[in-house]
Protein backbone atom coordinates (compact mmCIF):
# COMPACT_ATOMS: atom_id res chain seq x y z
CA UNK A 1 104.91 110.06 -184.64
CA UNK A 2 103.78 113.61 -183.90
CA UNK A 3 100.22 114.38 -182.84
CA UNK A 4 98.92 117.93 -182.44
CA UNK A 5 95.51 118.76 -181.00
CA UNK A 6 93.96 122.23 -180.91
CA UNK A 7 92.04 122.98 -177.71
CA UNK A 8 89.54 125.76 -177.10
CA UNK A 9 88.89 126.71 -173.47
CA UNK A 10 87.14 129.37 -171.48
CA UNK A 11 89.49 131.19 -169.10
CA UNK A 12 88.51 132.15 -165.54
CA UNK A 13 88.10 135.70 -166.81
CA UNK A 14 85.58 134.55 -169.43
CA UNK A 15 87.88 134.85 -172.45
CA UNK A 16 88.04 132.13 -175.09
CA UNK A 17 91.58 130.77 -175.28
CA UNK A 18 92.96 128.42 -177.92
CA UNK A 19 96.14 126.46 -177.60
CA UNK A 20 97.75 123.43 -179.13
CA UNK A 21 99.15 120.37 -177.45
CA UNK A 22 101.81 118.47 -179.36
CA UNK A 23 102.82 114.98 -178.37
CA UNK A 24 105.81 113.27 -179.94
CA UNK A 25 106.21 109.52 -179.63
CA UNK A 26 109.34 107.66 -180.64
CA UNK A 27 108.28 104.09 -181.43
CA UNK A 28 110.08 101.20 -183.12
CA UNK A 29 109.43 100.63 -186.82
CA UNK A 30 106.35 98.52 -187.41
CA UNK A 31 104.63 99.63 -184.17
CA UNK A 32 101.07 100.75 -184.64
CA UNK A 33 99.96 103.83 -182.73
CA UNK A 34 96.42 105.14 -182.74
CA UNK A 35 95.10 108.44 -181.47
CA UNK A 36 91.71 107.88 -179.88
CA UNK A 37 89.21 110.70 -179.85
CA UNK A 38 87.77 111.29 -176.35
CA UNK A 39 84.32 110.28 -177.59
CA UNK A 40 85.53 106.88 -178.81
CA UNK A 41 85.32 103.82 -176.62
CA UNK A 42 88.48 103.06 -174.68
CA UNK A 43 87.56 99.44 -173.97
CA UNK A 44 88.99 96.77 -176.24
CA UNK A 45 86.57 95.07 -178.58
CA UNK A 46 85.09 91.92 -177.17
CA UNK A 47 86.04 88.56 -178.54
CA UNK A 48 83.44 87.28 -180.98
CA UNK A 49 82.79 84.32 -178.69
CA UNK A 50 82.63 86.36 -175.46
CA UNK A 51 79.15 86.42 -173.94
CA UNK A 52 77.38 89.58 -172.86
CA UNK A 53 77.81 88.52 -169.23
CA UNK A 54 81.58 88.11 -169.70
CA UNK A 55 81.87 91.43 -171.51
CA UNK A 56 79.87 93.25 -168.84
CA UNK A 57 81.89 91.60 -166.06
CA UNK A 58 85.29 92.38 -167.63
CA UNK A 59 84.80 95.78 -169.24
CA UNK A 60 81.91 97.53 -167.52
CA UNK A 61 81.72 96.57 -163.83
CA UNK A 62 84.07 98.14 -161.30
CA UNK A 63 85.89 96.03 -158.72
CA UNK A 64 83.12 96.78 -156.22
CA UNK A 65 80.47 95.88 -158.78
CA UNK A 66 82.20 92.55 -159.32
CA UNK A 67 82.29 92.05 -155.54
CA UNK A 68 78.55 92.49 -155.06
CA UNK A 69 77.50 90.38 -158.04
CA UNK A 70 80.17 87.82 -157.23
CA UNK A 71 78.78 87.50 -153.70
CA UNK A 72 75.24 87.24 -155.07
CA UNK A 73 76.37 84.45 -157.40
CA UNK A 74 78.04 82.64 -154.47
CA UNK A 75 74.80 82.78 -152.48
CA UNK A 76 72.69 81.73 -155.44
CA UNK A 77 74.94 78.80 -156.33
CA UNK A 78 74.90 77.56 -152.71
CA UNK A 79 71.33 78.35 -151.62
CA UNK A 80 69.38 79.27 -154.73
CA UNK A 81 67.62 82.55 -155.51
CA UNK A 82 65.79 84.65 -152.94
CA UNK A 83 68.35 86.57 -150.88
CA UNK A 84 68.40 90.09 -149.43
CA UNK A 85 70.98 92.86 -149.42
CA UNK A 86 71.73 91.86 -145.81
CA UNK A 87 72.59 88.35 -147.03
CA UNK A 88 74.92 89.82 -149.67
CA UNK A 89 76.53 92.10 -147.05
CA UNK A 90 77.23 89.10 -144.80
CA UNK A 91 78.70 87.16 -147.73
CA UNK A 92 80.99 90.11 -148.56
CA UNK A 93 81.81 90.75 -144.87
CA UNK A 94 80.86 94.42 -145.18
CA UNK A 95 78.01 96.53 -143.81
CA UNK A 96 74.56 96.81 -145.31
CA UNK A 97 75.10 100.46 -146.32
CA UNK A 98 78.34 99.56 -148.10
CA UNK A 99 76.52 96.85 -150.03
CA UNK A 100 73.79 99.29 -151.05
CA UNK A 101 76.46 101.80 -152.11
CA UNK A 102 78.23 99.21 -154.26
CA UNK A 103 74.91 98.36 -155.89
CA UNK A 104 74.00 102.01 -156.55
CA UNK A 105 77.43 102.63 -158.07
CA UNK A 106 76.99 99.65 -160.40
CA UNK A 107 74.17 101.68 -161.97
CA UNK A 108 76.84 103.71 -163.79
CA UNK A 109 78.01 100.57 -165.58
CA UNK A 110 74.40 99.67 -166.37
CA UNK A 111 73.77 103.11 -167.85
CA UNK A 112 76.89 102.88 -170.04
CA UNK A 113 75.97 99.35 -171.15
CA UNK A 114 72.49 100.49 -172.16
CA UNK A 115 73.97 103.45 -174.07
CA UNK A 116 76.52 101.24 -175.85
CA UNK A 117 74.29 98.23 -176.53
CA UNK A 118 70.66 99.38 -176.33
CA UNK A 119 69.75 96.55 -173.94
CA UNK A 120 69.44 96.06 -170.20
CA UNK A 121 72.60 95.08 -168.39
CA UNK A 122 73.15 91.31 -168.40
CA UNK A 123 74.24 91.18 -164.74
CA UNK A 124 71.68 92.66 -162.37
CA UNK A 125 69.64 91.83 -159.30
CA UNK A 126 66.04 91.14 -160.26
CA UNK A 127 63.53 91.49 -157.43
CA UNK A 128 61.44 88.45 -156.57
CA UNK A 129 59.20 89.26 -153.63
CA UNK A 130 58.69 91.76 -150.87
CA UNK A 131 57.95 89.64 -147.84
CA UNK A 132 58.50 89.11 -144.14
CA UNK A 133 62.06 88.03 -143.40
CA UNK A 134 62.22 86.54 -139.91
CA UNK A 135 66.01 86.23 -140.10
CA UNK A 136 66.44 89.99 -140.45
CA UNK A 137 63.30 91.14 -138.67
CA UNK A 138 60.89 92.91 -140.98
CA UNK A 139 59.90 93.16 -144.60
CA UNK A 140 62.63 92.63 -147.19
CA UNK A 141 62.87 92.40 -150.95
CA UNK A 142 64.44 89.18 -152.14
CA UNK A 143 66.58 89.07 -155.28
CA UNK A 144 68.03 86.78 -157.90
CA UNK A 145 70.39 87.08 -160.85
CA UNK A 146 68.96 86.43 -164.34
CA UNK A 147 68.84 82.78 -165.42
CA UNK A 148 72.30 81.27 -165.92
CA UNK A 149 74.19 84.36 -164.77
CA UNK A 150 75.24 83.02 -161.34
CA UNK A 151 77.01 80.01 -162.85
CA UNK A 152 78.67 82.13 -165.55
CA UNK A 153 79.96 84.55 -162.89
CA UNK A 154 81.39 81.57 -161.00
CA UNK A 155 83.29 80.56 -164.15
CA UNK A 156 84.52 84.13 -164.67
CA UNK A 157 85.72 84.34 -161.07
CA UNK A 158 87.56 81.04 -161.43
CA UNK A 159 89.32 82.02 -164.67
CA UNK A 160 90.10 85.60 -163.72
């Protein structure tokens, strides 16, 4: 199979430059090869029976995103909803700022999910209350995962 793609670029001197890239693949007979346009999705299609939570967990979240939501699901399964970022940090054995960074970065996955599906991300931390937290000294927001998500994450973690 031979694939040729014409590229148009702007040189450092400001000139428009066109060039072609040719890729030749030698594959066994019967092998299917597809050229994917850069705008097409690179994730495999989800199984028809895969839930939105499973799809988001497998194809959208980064490893660090899975760590933070996995830790939140551990806390929620053991103690119920109503935990802080400090509680998640302790469960992950990392610092508070690292936990906040992991959470901020998971916003990229949420943005892509919303673009692809037109709905809010199925795995997220929903705020419950902003209240005094004697354990951490001061006011804290407490969080929970959407209904049923903690147990589904536990299943996903167990099955890989």
